[in-house]
Amino acid sequence: MGLEFLDNTYSDEETDAFIRLISFYLEESDKKSFLEKGPIVDLGCGNGTLLHKLKGLYPNIECIGVDRKPYRKYPDITYLTADITRTGLVNESSRIVITVNIQDYVGDSFTKQSFFNEVNRILIPNGIYIPLEPMPRELIEPFVSAGYRSFGRYFQEKH
């Protein structure tokens, strides 16, 4: 059983690798405690497997999955049916925002500016955006331009 996103399926090994990356970036920024407090938002969550596995490791974290058609597979995830650029979440309500393989939809389903605006709006000050993308330049460019602090090529921290 793997992690499904749109037309992609990720193996359990790949999903575990995503979790290791998330943990690594949080350790690098001294924000590992964010996984104990939450909330963490997965934009384009699909069935929520990544959040479900994180919840298994960090049972106190609040997990919110946002998707236009979430599969609502796990009862420990709060699913929101919404566009990832208009989530309906409260301003500055998330400590962590993650995405997996959504950069292919920039310019088709959303613009990178509208995506940046939404992530920036829902992240708390010093919150973290982690794009788990093969080539995240399209998604990261507005964050870098806005002065987010970068660790490696994926992790962006809001100031």
N, C-alpha and C. Protein backbone atom coordinates (compact mmCIF):
# COMPACT_ATOMS: atom_id res chain seq x y z
N MET A 1 0.86 -1.18 0.00
CA MET A 1 0.00 0.00 0.00
C MET A 1 0.89 1.23 0.00
N GLY A 2 0.60 2.18 -0.84
CA GLY A 2 1.42 3.38 -0.95
C GLY A 2 0.59 4.63 -0.76
N LEU A 3 1.25 5.74 -0.93
CA LEU A 3 0.66 7.06 -0.80
C LEU A 3 0.19 7.49 -2.19
N GLU A 4 -1.08 7.86 -2.34
CA GLU A 4 -1.61 8.21 -3.64
C GLU A 4 -1.84 9.71 -3.75
N PHE A 5 -1.38 10.32 -4.83
CA PHE A 5 -1.64 11.71 -5.14
C PHE A 5 -2.01 11.81 -6.60
N LEU A 6 -3.21 12.24 -6.86
CA LEU A 6 -3.69 12.42 -8.22
C LEU A 6 -3.37 11.18 -9.04
N ASP A 7 -2.49 11.29 -10.02
CA ASP A 7 -2.19 10.12 -10.84
C ASP A 7 -0.90 9.44 -10.41
N ASN A 8 -0.35 9.81 -9.26
CA ASN A 8 0.89 9.23 -8.79
C ASN A 8 0.65 8.37 -7.56
N THR A 9 1.38 7.29 -7.44
CA THR A 9 1.35 6.46 -6.25
C THR A 9 2.77 6.34 -5.73
N TYR A 10 2.94 6.59 -4.45
CA TYR A 10 4.25 6.51 -3.82
C TYR A 10 4.28 5.29 -2.92
N SER A 11 5.39 4.60 -2.94
CA SER A 11 5.54 3.42 -2.11
C SER A 11 5.65 3.82 -0.65
N ASP A 12 5.51 2.82 0.23
CA ASP A 12 5.70 3.08 1.65
C ASP A 12 7.11 3.59 1.91
N GLU A 13 8.09 3.10 1.17
CA GLU A 13 9.48 3.54 1.34
C GLU A 13 9.61 5.02 0.97
N GLU A 14 8.96 5.44 -0.12
CA GLU A 14 9.01 6.85 -0.51
C GLU A 14 8.29 7.73 0.53
N THR A 15 7.16 7.25 1.02
CA THR A 15 6.44 7.99 2.06
C THR A 15 7.30 8.13 3.31
N ASP A 16 7.97 7.06 3.70
CA ASP A 16 8.87 7.12 4.85
C ASP A 16 10.02 8.09 4.59
N ALA A 17 10.51 8.15 3.34
CA ALA A 17 11.57 9.10 3.00
C ALA A 17 11.06 10.54 3.14
N PHE A 18 9.80 10.80 2.76
CA PHE A 18 9.22 12.13 2.94
C PHE A 18 9.20 12.49 4.43
N ILE A 19 8.84 11.55 5.26
CA ILE A 19 8.80 11.81 6.71
C ILE A 19 10.20 12.08 7.24
N ARG A 20 11.19 11.34 6.77
CA ARG A 20 12.57 11.61 7.19
C ARG A 20 13.00 13.01 6.77
N LEU A 21 12.63 13.44 5.56
CA LEU A 21 12.98 14.80 5.12
C LEU A 21 12.32 15.85 5.99
N ILE A 22 11.05 15.67 6.29
CA ILE A 22 10.34 16.62 7.15
C ILE A 22 11.05 16.71 8.50
N SER A 23 11.37 15.56 9.09
CA SER A 23 12.07 15.55 10.39
C SER A 23 13.43 16.23 10.29
N PHE A 24 14.16 15.96 9.20
CA PHE A 24 15.48 16.56 9.01
C PHE A 24 15.39 18.08 8.97
N TYR A 25 14.47 18.62 8.18
CA TYR A 25 14.36 20.08 8.06
C TYR A 25 13.95 20.72 9.38
N LEU A 26 13.08 20.05 10.12
CA LEU A 26 12.67 20.59 11.41
C LEU A 26 13.81 20.55 12.42
N GLU A 27 14.61 19.49 12.39
CA GLU A 27 15.78 19.42 13.27
C GLU A 27 16.79 20.50 12.91
N GLU A 28 17.03 20.72 11.61
CA GLU A 28 17.97 21.74 11.15
C GLU A 28 17.57 23.13 11.63
N SER A 29 16.30 23.36 11.79
CA SER A 29 15.82 24.68 12.19
C SER A 29 15.47 24.76 13.68
N ASP A 30 15.81 23.71 14.42
CA ASP A 30 15.46 23.65 15.85
C ASP A 30 13.96 23.78 16.08
N LYS A 31 13.18 23.20 15.17
CA LYS A 31 11.72 23.26 15.29
C LYS A 31 11.09 21.89 15.31
N LYS A 32 11.82 20.90 15.76
CA LYS A 32 11.28 19.54 15.85
C LYS A 32 10.03 19.52 16.74
N SER A 33 9.97 20.44 17.70
CA SER A 33 8.80 20.51 18.59
C SER A 33 7.52 20.85 17.83
N PHE A 34 7.64 21.41 16.62
CA PHE A 34 6.45 21.69 15.81
C PHE A 34 5.67 20.41 15.52
N LEU A 35 6.36 19.26 15.49
CA LEU A 35 5.68 18.00 15.25
C LEU A 35 4.96 17.48 16.48
N GLU A 36 5.19 18.10 17.60
CA GLU A 36 4.48 17.71 18.82
C GLU A 36 3.30 18.62 19.10
N LYS A 37 3.29 19.80 18.49
CA LYS A 37 2.25 20.78 18.79
C LYS A 37 1.29 20.98 17.64
N GLY A 38 1.80 20.97 16.44
CA GLY A 38 0.96 21.19 15.26
C GLY A 38 0.38 22.59 15.21
N PRO A 39 -0.57 22.88 14.38
CA PRO A 39 -1.03 21.95 13.36
C PRO A 39 -0.10 21.91 12.14
N ILE A 40 -0.21 20.81 11.41
CA ILE A 40 0.49 20.64 10.15
C ILE A 40 -0.57 20.51 9.06
N VAL A 41 -0.36 21.22 7.96
CA VAL A 41 -1.31 21.22 6.85
C VAL A 41 -0.64 20.63 5.63
N ASP A 42 -1.30 19.68 5.00
CA ASP A 42 -0.84 19.08 3.75
C ASP A 42 -1.76 19.57 2.64
N LEU A 43 -1.21 20.42 1.76
CA LEU A 43 -1.98 20.95 0.64
C LEU A 43 -1.88 19.99 -0.53
N GLY A 44 -3.03 19.50 -0.98
CA GLY A 44 -3.06 18.46 -2.00
C GLY A 44 -2.86 17.11 -1.36
N CYS A 45 -3.56 16.86 -0.26
CA CYS A 45 -3.31 15.70 0.60
C CYS A 45 -3.70 14.35 0.02
N GLY A 46 -4.52 14.33 -1.03
CA GLY A 46 -4.97 13.03 -1.55
C GLY A 46 -5.75 12.27 -0.49
N ASN A 47 -5.26 11.10 -0.11
CA ASN A 47 -5.97 10.31 0.91
C ASN A 47 -5.47 10.57 2.33
N GLY A 48 -4.42 11.36 2.49
CA GLY A 48 -3.94 11.72 3.83
C GLY A 48 -2.94 10.76 4.43
N THR A 49 -2.38 9.83 3.64
CA THR A 49 -1.46 8.83 4.19
C THR A 49 -0.24 9.45 4.85
N LEU A 50 0.33 10.48 4.24
CA LEU A 50 1.51 11.12 4.83
C LEU A 50 1.17 11.70 6.21
N LEU A 51 0.06 12.39 6.30
CA LEU A 51 -0.36 12.94 7.60
C LEU A 51 -0.67 11.83 8.60
N HIS A 52 -1.31 10.78 8.13
CA HIS A 52 -1.65 9.66 9.01
C HIS A 52 -0.37 9.03 9.60
N LYS A 53 0.64 8.85 8.76
CA LYS A 53 1.90 8.28 9.26
C LYS A 53 2.60 9.24 10.22
N LEU A 54 2.55 10.54 9.96
CA LEU A 54 3.11 11.52 10.90
C LEU A 54 2.36 11.47 12.23
N LYS A 55 1.04 11.36 12.16
CA LYS A 55 0.21 11.27 13.37
C LYS A 55 0.56 10.03 14.18
N GLY A 56 0.91 8.93 13.50
CA GLY A 56 1.33 7.72 14.20
C GLY A 56 2.62 7.92 14.98
N LEU A 57 3.52 8.75 14.44
CA LEU A 57 4.79 9.04 15.12
C LEU A 57 4.65 10.13 16.17
N TYR A 58 3.75 11.06 15.92
CA TYR A 58 3.55 12.21 16.81
C TYR A 58 2.06 12.33 17.11
N PRO A 59 1.55 11.53 18.05
CA PRO A 59 0.10 11.43 18.26
C PRO A 59 -0.58 12.72 18.70
N ASN A 60 0.15 13.69 19.24
CA ASN A 60 -0.48 14.92 19.70
C ASN A 60 -0.62 15.99 18.63
N ILE A 61 -0.06 15.73 17.45
CA ILE A 61 -0.10 16.73 16.39
C ILE A 61 -1.49 16.78 15.76
N GLU A 62 -1.92 17.98 15.42
CA GLU A 62 -3.17 18.15 14.68
C GLU A 62 -2.82 18.13 13.20
N CYS A 63 -3.48 17.29 12.43
CA CYS A 63 -3.20 17.13 11.01
C CYS A 63 -4.42 17.54 10.18
N ILE A 64 -4.18 18.45 9.23
CA ILE A 64 -5.24 18.94 8.36
C ILE A 64 -4.84 18.68 6.91
N GLY A 65 -5.66 17.95 6.21
CA GLY A 65 -5.43 17.67 4.80
C GLY A 65 -6.40 18.47 3.94
N VAL A 66 -5.85 19.20 2.96
CA VAL A 66 -6.66 20.02 2.07
C VAL A 66 -6.54 19.48 0.65
N ASP A 67 -7.67 19.26 0.02
CA ASP A 67 -7.66 18.78 -1.35
C ASP A 67 -9.01 19.12 -1.98
N ARG A 68 -9.04 19.27 -3.29
CA ARG A 68 -10.32 19.52 -3.96
C ARG A 68 -11.24 18.32 -3.83
N LYS A 69 -10.65 17.12 -3.80
CA LYS A 69 -11.42 15.89 -3.63
C LYS A 69 -10.66 14.95 -2.70
N PRO A 70 -10.62 15.27 -1.41
CA PRO A 70 -9.87 14.39 -0.50
C PRO A 70 -10.55 13.02 -0.39
N TYR A 71 -9.74 11.99 -0.23
CA TYR A 71 -10.26 10.63 -0.17
C TYR A 71 -10.76 10.23 1.22
N ARG A 72 -10.50 11.03 2.24
CA ARG A 72 -11.01 10.83 3.60
C ARG A 72 -10.83 9.39 4.09
N LYS A 73 -9.62 8.91 3.99
CA LYS A 73 -9.32 7.53 4.34
C LYS A 73 -9.09 7.31 5.83
N TYR A 74 -8.59 8.31 6.54
CA TYR A 74 -8.17 8.12 7.93
C TYR A 74 -8.98 9.00 8.88
N PRO A 75 -9.54 8.42 9.94
CA PRO A 75 -10.36 9.21 10.87
C PRO A 75 -9.55 10.16 11.75
N ASP A 76 -8.21 10.00 11.80
CA ASP A 76 -7.39 10.88 12.65
C ASP A 76 -6.93 12.13 11.92
N ILE A 77 -7.40 12.34 10.68
CA ILE A 77 -7.05 13.50 9.88
C ILE A 77 -8.30 14.37 9.70
N THR A 78 -8.14 15.68 9.85
CA THR A 78 -9.21 16.61 9.51
C THR A 78 -9.07 16.96 8.04
N TYR A 79 -10.07 16.60 7.25
CA TYR A 79 -10.02 16.86 5.81
C TYR A 79 -10.85 18.10 5.48
N LEU A 80 -10.30 18.95 4.63
CA LEU A 80 -11.02 20.10 4.12
C LEU A 80 -11.13 19.96 2.60
N THR A 81 -12.33 20.08 2.09
CA THR A 81 -12.53 20.10 0.65
C THR A 81 -12.41 21.55 0.20
N ALA A 82 -11.28 21.87 -0.43
CA ALA A 82 -11.01 23.25 -0.83
C ALA A 82 -9.88 23.28 -1.85
N ASP A 83 -9.81 24.38 -2.55
CA ASP A 83 -8.70 24.65 -3.45
C ASP A 83 -7.48 24.98 -2.59
N ILE A 84 -6.29 24.57 -3.01
CA ILE A 84 -5.11 24.81 -2.18
C ILE A 84 -4.70 26.28 -2.14
N THR A 85 -5.32 27.12 -2.96
CA THR A 85 -5.05 28.55 -2.90
C THR A 85 -6.15 29.31 -2.16
N ARG A 86 -7.18 28.60 -1.72
CA ARG A 86 -8.28 29.19 -0.94
C ARG A 86 -8.76 28.14 0.06
N THR A 87 -7.97 27.90 1.08
CA THR A 87 -8.23 26.79 2.00
C THR A 87 -9.36 27.07 2.99
N GLY A 88 -9.59 28.33 3.30
CA GLY A 88 -10.57 28.67 4.32
C GLY A 88 -10.01 28.58 5.73
N LEU A 89 -8.72 28.24 5.86
CA LEU A 89 -8.09 28.20 7.18
C LEU A 89 -7.89 29.62 7.71
N VAL A 90 -7.83 29.74 9.01
CA VAL A 90 -7.63 31.03 9.67
C VAL A 90 -6.22 31.55 9.38
N ASN A 91 -6.08 32.85 9.28
CA ASN A 91 -4.75 33.47 9.11
C ASN A 91 -3.81 33.01 10.21
N GLU A 92 -2.56 32.74 9.84
CA GLU A 92 -1.51 32.37 10.79
C GLU A 92 -1.96 31.25 11.73
N SER A 93 -2.50 30.18 11.14
CA SER A 93 -3.03 29.08 11.95
C SER A 93 -2.21 27.80 11.86
N SER A 94 -1.18 27.76 11.02
CA SER A 94 -0.41 26.53 10.84
C SER A 94 1.06 26.74 11.15
N ARG A 95 1.65 25.76 11.82
CA ARG A 95 3.08 25.79 12.08
C ARG A 95 3.86 25.26 10.89
N ILE A 96 3.29 24.26 10.21
CA ILE A 96 3.97 23.60 9.09
C ILE A 96 2.97 23.44 7.95
N VAL A 97 3.42 23.74 6.72
CA VAL A 97 2.67 23.44 5.51
C VAL A 97 3.57 22.58 4.64
N ILE A 98 3.02 21.47 4.14
CA ILE A 98 3.77 20.61 3.23
C ILE A 98 2.99 20.43 1.94
N THR A 99 3.74 20.14 0.88
CA THR A 99 3.14 19.74 -0.39
C THR A 99 3.97 18.60 -0.95
N VAL A 100 3.33 17.73 -1.69
CA VAL A 100 4.01 16.63 -2.36
C VAL A 100 3.61 16.66 -3.83
N ASN A 101 4.59 16.88 -4.69
CA ASN A 101 4.42 16.75 -6.14
C ASN A 101 3.25 17.55 -6.70
N ILE A 102 3.20 18.84 -6.38
CA ILE A 102 2.14 19.68 -6.96
C ILE A 102 2.68 20.68 -7.97
N GLN A 103 4.00 20.79 -8.12
CA GLN A 103 4.55 21.83 -8.99
C GLN A 103 4.13 21.66 -10.45
N ASP A 104 3.75 20.46 -10.86
CA ASP A 104 3.29 20.25 -12.23
C ASP A 104 2.00 20.99 -12.54
N TYR A 105 1.29 21.42 -11.51
CA TYR A 105 0.00 22.07 -11.70
C TYR A 105 0.09 23.59 -11.64
N VAL A 106 1.30 24.13 -11.43
CA VAL A 106 1.48 25.59 -11.46
C VAL A 106 1.15 26.06 -12.86
N GLY A 107 0.29 27.07 -12.96
CA GLY A 107 -0.10 27.60 -14.25
C GLY A 107 -1.28 26.88 -14.87
N ASP A 108 -1.61 25.72 -14.35
CA ASP A 108 -2.76 24.96 -14.84
C ASP A 108 -3.90 25.09 -13.84
N SER A 109 -3.70 24.50 -12.65
CA SER A 109 -4.73 24.56 -11.61
C SER A 109 -4.61 25.80 -10.73
N PHE A 110 -3.42 26.41 -10.66
CA PHE A 110 -3.21 27.58 -9.82
C PHE A 110 -1.96 28.32 -10.29
N THR A 111 -1.83 29.58 -9.86
CA THR A 111 -0.61 30.32 -10.14
C THR A 111 0.31 30.23 -8.94
N LYS A 112 1.60 30.35 -9.17
CA LYS A 112 2.53 30.27 -8.04
C LYS A 112 2.31 31.43 -7.07
N GLN A 113 1.89 32.59 -7.57
CA GLN A 113 1.64 33.72 -6.68
C GLN A 113 0.43 33.46 -5.79
N SER A 114 -0.65 32.91 -6.33
CA SER A 114 -1.82 32.63 -5.50
C SER A 114 -1.51 31.54 -4.48
N PHE A 115 -0.68 30.58 -4.88
CA PHE A 115 -0.26 29.53 -3.95
C PHE A 115 0.59 30.13 -2.83
N PHE A 116 1.59 30.94 -3.20
CA PHE A 116 2.43 31.60 -2.19
C PHE A 116 1.57 32.42 -1.24
N ASN A 117 0.64 33.20 -1.77
CA ASN A 117 -0.20 34.05 -0.92
C ASN A 117 -0.94 33.23 0.12
N GLU A 118 -1.45 32.07 -0.27
CA GLU A 118 -2.21 31.25 0.68
C GLU A 118 -1.29 30.62 1.73
N VAL A 119 -0.16 30.07 1.31
CA VAL A 119 0.77 29.48 2.28
C VAL A 119 1.26 30.56 3.24
N ASN A 120 1.64 31.70 2.72
CA ASN A 120 2.11 32.80 3.55
C ASN A 120 1.04 33.26 4.54
N ARG A 121 -0.20 33.26 4.10
CA ARG A 121 -1.31 33.69 4.95
C ARG A 121 -1.56 32.72 6.10
N ILE A 122 -1.49 31.41 5.84
CA ILE A 122 -1.86 30.46 6.89
C ILE A 122 -0.70 30.09 7.81
N LEU A 123 0.55 30.37 7.41
CA LEU A 123 1.68 30.06 8.28
C LEU A 123 1.81 31.08 9.41
N ILE A 124 2.12 30.59 10.61
CA ILE A 124 2.44 31.48 11.71
C ILE A 124 3.80 32.13 11.45
N PRO A 125 4.11 33.26 12.12
CA PRO A 125 5.48 33.78 12.02
C PRO A 125 6.46 32.69 12.46
N ASN A 126 7.53 32.53 11.74
CA ASN A 126 8.52 31.47 11.94
C ASN A 126 7.98 30.08 11.61
N GLY A 127 6.85 30.04 10.90
CA GLY A 127 6.33 28.77 10.42
C GLY A 127 7.19 28.24 9.28
N ILE A 128 6.89 27.01 8.87
CA ILE A 128 7.75 26.31 7.93
C ILE A 128 6.93 25.79 6.75
N TYR A 129 7.45 26.03 5.55
CA TYR A 129 6.88 25.43 4.34
C TYR A 129 7.89 24.43 3.80
N ILE A 130 7.45 23.18 3.61
CA ILE A 130 8.31 22.13 3.09
C ILE A 130 7.69 21.55 1.82
N PRO A 131 8.21 21.97 0.64
CA PRO A 131 7.72 21.37 -0.60
C PRO A 131 8.51 20.11 -0.92
N LEU A 132 7.87 18.98 -0.87
CA LEU A 132 8.50 17.71 -1.20
C LEU A 132 8.27 17.47 -2.69
N GLU A 133 9.06 18.14 -3.47
CA GLU A 133 8.89 18.19 -4.91
C GLU A 133 10.20 17.79 -5.58
N PRO A 134 10.13 17.13 -6.74
CA PRO A 134 11.37 16.79 -7.44
C PRO A 134 12.16 18.03 -7.86
N MET A 135 11.49 19.05 -8.37
CA MET A 135 12.13 20.28 -8.81
C MET A 135 11.30 21.45 -8.30
N PRO A 136 11.52 21.90 -7.07
CA PRO A 136 10.60 22.84 -6.44
C PRO A 136 10.77 24.31 -6.82
N ARG A 137 11.64 24.63 -7.78
CA ARG A 137 11.93 26.03 -8.06
C ARG A 137 10.67 26.86 -8.29
N GLU A 138 9.73 26.34 -9.06
CA GLU A 138 8.49 27.07 -9.36
C GLU A 138 7.75 27.47 -8.08
N LEU A 139 7.74 26.58 -7.10
CA LEU A 139 7.01 26.86 -5.87
C LEU A 139 7.82 27.71 -4.89
N ILE A 140 9.13 27.56 -4.88
CA ILE A 140 9.96 28.23 -3.89
C ILE A 140 10.30 29.67 -4.25
N GLU A 141 10.37 29.96 -5.53
CA GLU A 141 10.79 31.29 -5.97
C GLU A 141 10.10 32.44 -5.24
N PRO A 142 8.76 32.45 -5.11
CA PRO A 142 8.12 33.55 -4.39
C PRO A 142 8.50 33.60 -2.91
N PHE A 143 8.77 32.45 -2.31
CA PHE A 143 9.16 32.42 -0.89
C PHE A 143 10.54 33.05 -0.71
N VAL A 144 11.47 32.70 -1.59
CA VAL A 144 12.81 33.27 -1.55
C VAL A 144 12.73 34.77 -1.77
N SER A 145 11.95 35.20 -2.76
CA SER A 145 11.80 36.63 -3.07
C SER A 145 11.21 37.41 -1.90
N ALA A 146 10.36 36.75 -1.11
CA ALA A 146 9.73 37.41 0.03
C ALA A 146 10.60 37.36 1.28
N GLY A 147 11.78 36.75 1.19
CA GLY A 147 12.71 36.75 2.32
C GLY A 147 12.59 35.58 3.26
N TYR A 148 11.91 34.51 2.85
CA TYR A 148 11.88 33.30 3.68
C TYR A 148 13.29 32.76 3.79
N ARG A 149 13.64 32.21 4.93
CA ARG A 149 14.94 31.60 5.15
C ARG A 149 14.94 30.18 4.61
N SER A 150 15.98 29.81 3.90
CA SER A 150 16.03 28.51 3.25
C SER A 150 17.06 27.60 3.91
N PHE A 151 16.70 26.33 4.06
CA PHE A 151 17.63 25.28 4.47
C PHE A 151 17.62 24.26 3.35
N GLY A 152 18.72 24.13 2.64
CA GLY A 152 18.71 23.24 1.50
C GLY A 152 17.81 23.81 0.42
N ARG A 153 17.41 22.97 -0.52
CA ARG A 153 16.61 23.51 -1.60
C ARG A 153 15.11 23.37 -1.38
N TYR A 154 14.70 22.69 -0.32
CA TYR A 154 13.28 22.45 -0.12
C TYR A 154 12.63 23.25 1.00
N PHE A 155 13.35 23.51 2.03
CA PHE A 155 12.75 24.01 3.26
C PHE A 155 12.75 25.53 3.28
N GLN A 156 11.64 26.12 3.63
CA GLN A 156 11.53 27.58 3.72
C GLN A 156 10.91 27.96 5.06
N GLU A 157 11.56 28.90 5.75
CA GLU A 157 11.07 29.35 7.06
C GLU A 157 10.62 30.81 6.97
N LYS A 158 9.42 31.06 7.45
CA LYS A 158 8.85 32.41 7.42
C LYS A 158 9.46 33.26 8.52
N HIS A 159 9.75 34.50 8.18
CA HIS A 159 10.23 35.45 9.21
C HIS A 159 9.13 36.40 9.59
